[in-house]
Amino acid sequence: MKLTWMPRLELTESLIVTSVHAVCIKDGKVLLVQIKDRGFNYPGGHVEAGESI
């Protein structure tokens, strides 16, 4: 990862929120989703191009 300081960049919601994930627990069980070619993970995702937050 490379971090770059951009002091004049105005941060909008679409730049701040990049992904959201959730941990869902019920009756001692955790919900996982199977992601093609990656295995199991917590449900979540990222904002697609043109999609509102």
N, C-alpha and C. Protein backbone atom coordinates (compact mmCIF):
# COMPACT_ATOMS: atom_id res chain seq x y z
N MET A 1 0.84 -1.15 0.00
CA MET A 1 0.00 0.00 0.00
C MET A 1 0.89 1.23 0.00
N LYS A 2 0.51 2.23 -0.80
CA LYS A 2 1.24 3.49 -0.84
C LYS A 2 0.31 4.59 -0.38
N LEU A 3 0.73 5.36 0.61
CA LEU A 3 -0.06 6.47 1.11
C LEU A 3 0.50 7.77 0.55
N THR A 4 -0.38 8.62 0.06
CA THR A 4 0.04 9.89 -0.53
C THR A 4 -0.75 11.01 0.13
N TRP A 5 -0.07 12.04 0.61
CA TRP A 5 -0.72 13.19 1.23
C TRP A 5 -1.15 14.16 0.14
N MET A 6 -2.44 14.50 0.14
CA MET A 6 -3.00 15.44 -0.83
C MET A 6 -3.76 16.51 -0.05
N PRO A 7 -3.09 17.54 0.46
CA PRO A 7 -3.72 18.50 1.38
C PRO A 7 -4.87 19.29 0.77
N ARG A 8 -4.95 19.45 -0.51
CA ARG A 8 -6.02 20.24 -1.12
C ARG A 8 -7.18 19.39 -1.64
N LEU A 9 -7.08 18.08 -1.46
CA LEU A 9 -8.14 17.18 -1.92
C LEU A 9 -9.34 17.28 -1.00
N GLU A 10 -10.51 17.61 -1.56
CA GLU A 10 -11.74 17.66 -0.78
C GLU A 10 -12.30 16.24 -0.67
N LEU A 11 -12.46 15.76 0.56
CA LEU A 11 -12.96 14.41 0.76
C LEU A 11 -14.48 14.41 0.73
N THR A 12 -15.03 13.66 -0.21
CA THR A 12 -16.47 13.48 -0.30
C THR A 12 -16.81 12.11 0.26
N GLU A 13 -18.10 11.85 0.50
CA GLU A 13 -18.50 10.55 1.04
C GLU A 13 -18.02 9.40 0.17
N SER A 14 -18.04 9.58 -1.14
CA SER A 14 -17.65 8.50 -2.04
C SER A 14 -16.16 8.19 -1.94
N LEU A 15 -15.35 9.12 -1.45
CA LEU A 15 -13.93 8.87 -1.26
C LEU A 15 -13.65 8.28 0.13
N ILE A 16 -14.50 8.61 1.10
CA ILE A 16 -14.28 8.14 2.47
C ILE A 16 -14.77 6.71 2.66
N VAL A 17 -15.98 6.41 2.19
CA VAL A 17 -16.57 5.08 2.36
C VAL A 17 -16.16 4.23 1.18
N THR A 18 -15.31 3.22 1.42
CA THR A 18 -14.87 2.37 0.32
C THR A 18 -15.50 0.99 0.37
N SER A 19 -15.80 0.51 1.58
CA SER A 19 -16.48 -0.79 1.69
C SER A 19 -17.15 -0.91 3.05
N VAL A 20 -18.12 -1.82 3.11
CA VAL A 20 -18.84 -2.08 4.35
C VAL A 20 -18.96 -3.59 4.51
N HIS A 21 -18.72 -4.07 5.71
CA HIS A 21 -18.84 -5.49 6.01
C HIS A 21 -19.60 -5.64 7.32
N ALA A 22 -20.20 -6.79 7.53
CA ALA A 22 -21.00 -7.02 8.73
C ALA A 22 -20.67 -8.37 9.34
N VAL A 23 -20.78 -8.45 10.65
CA VAL A 23 -20.68 -9.71 11.37
C VAL A 23 -22.07 -10.01 11.90
N CYS A 24 -22.68 -11.07 11.38
CA CYS A 24 -24.05 -11.44 11.76
C CYS A 24 -23.99 -12.71 12.59
N ILE A 25 -24.47 -12.62 13.84
CA ILE A 25 -24.44 -13.77 14.75
C ILE A 25 -25.86 -14.04 15.23
N LYS A 26 -26.29 -15.30 15.13
CA LYS A 26 -27.60 -15.71 15.63
C LYS A 26 -27.50 -17.12 16.19
N ASP A 27 -27.97 -17.29 17.40
CA ASP A 27 -27.95 -18.61 18.07
C ASP A 27 -26.55 -19.21 18.07
N GLY A 28 -25.54 -18.36 18.26
CA GLY A 28 -24.16 -18.84 18.34
C GLY A 28 -23.54 -19.19 17.00
N LYS A 29 -24.23 -18.88 15.90
CA LYS A 29 -23.71 -19.16 14.57
C LYS A 29 -23.36 -17.85 13.87
N VAL A 30 -22.31 -17.87 13.06
CA VAL A 30 -21.84 -16.70 12.33
C VAL A 30 -22.17 -16.88 10.85
N LEU A 31 -22.77 -15.85 10.24
CA LEU A 31 -23.09 -15.89 8.81
C LEU A 31 -21.85 -15.57 7.99
N LEU A 32 -21.53 -16.45 7.06
CA LEU A 32 -20.45 -16.23 6.11
C LEU A 32 -21.00 -16.39 4.70
N VAL A 33 -20.38 -15.72 3.75
CA VAL A 33 -20.76 -15.88 2.35
C VAL A 33 -19.59 -16.46 1.58
N GLN A 34 -19.90 -17.28 0.60
CA GLN A 34 -18.85 -17.86 -0.22
C GLN A 34 -18.62 -16.96 -1.43
N ILE A 35 -17.38 -16.50 -1.56
CA ILE A 35 -17.01 -15.61 -2.64
C ILE A 35 -16.20 -16.39 -3.66
N LYS A 36 -16.65 -16.35 -4.90
CA LYS A 36 -16.01 -17.12 -5.97
C LYS A 36 -14.51 -16.87 -6.00
N ASP A 37 -13.75 -17.92 -6.04
CA ASP A 37 -12.29 -17.90 -6.13
C ASP A 37 -11.59 -17.32 -4.90
N ARG A 38 -12.35 -17.03 -3.79
CA ARG A 38 -11.71 -16.50 -2.59
C ARG A 38 -12.08 -17.24 -1.32
N GLY A 39 -13.10 -18.07 -1.36
CA GLY A 39 -13.50 -18.78 -0.16
C GLY A 39 -14.61 -18.07 0.59
N PHE A 40 -14.62 -18.22 1.93
CA PHE A 40 -15.68 -17.66 2.76
C PHE A 40 -15.23 -16.38 3.44
N ASN A 41 -16.20 -15.45 3.62
CA ASN A 41 -15.90 -14.16 4.24
C ASN A 41 -17.18 -13.62 4.86
N TYR A 42 -17.06 -12.55 5.62
CA TYR A 42 -18.23 -11.87 6.15
C TYR A 42 -18.97 -11.19 5.01
N PRO A 43 -20.31 -11.07 5.10
CA PRO A 43 -21.05 -10.38 4.04
C PRO A 43 -20.65 -8.91 3.96
N GLY A 44 -20.58 -8.39 2.77
CA GLY A 44 -20.23 -6.99 2.59
C GLY A 44 -19.89 -6.70 1.14
N GLY A 45 -19.38 -5.52 0.91
CA GLY A 45 -19.01 -5.16 -0.45
C GLY A 45 -18.53 -3.74 -0.53
N HIS A 46 -18.33 -3.27 -1.73
CA HIS A 46 -17.85 -1.92 -1.96
C HIS A 46 -18.79 -1.19 -2.91
N VAL A 47 -18.63 0.11 -2.98
CA VAL A 47 -19.46 0.93 -3.86
C VAL A 47 -19.00 0.74 -5.29
N GLU A 48 -19.93 0.37 -6.16
CA GLU A 48 -19.62 0.19 -7.58
C GLU A 48 -19.57 1.56 -8.28
N ALA A 49 -18.88 1.65 -9.36
CA ALA A 49 -18.82 2.90 -10.14
C ALA A 49 -20.22 3.34 -10.53
N GLY A 50 -20.59 4.59 -10.26
CA GLY A 50 -21.90 5.11 -10.58
C GLY A 50 -22.98 4.81 -9.55
N GLU A 51 -22.66 4.03 -8.53
CA GLU A 51 -23.63 3.67 -7.50
C GLU A 51 -23.55 4.67 -6.34
N SER A 52 -24.71 5.06 -5.81
CA SER A 52 -24.70 5.98 -4.67
C SER A 52 -24.40 5.21 -3.39
N ILE A 53 -23.90 5.93 -2.42
CA ILE A 53 -23.57 5.30 -1.14
C ILE A 53 -24.85 4.92 -0.42
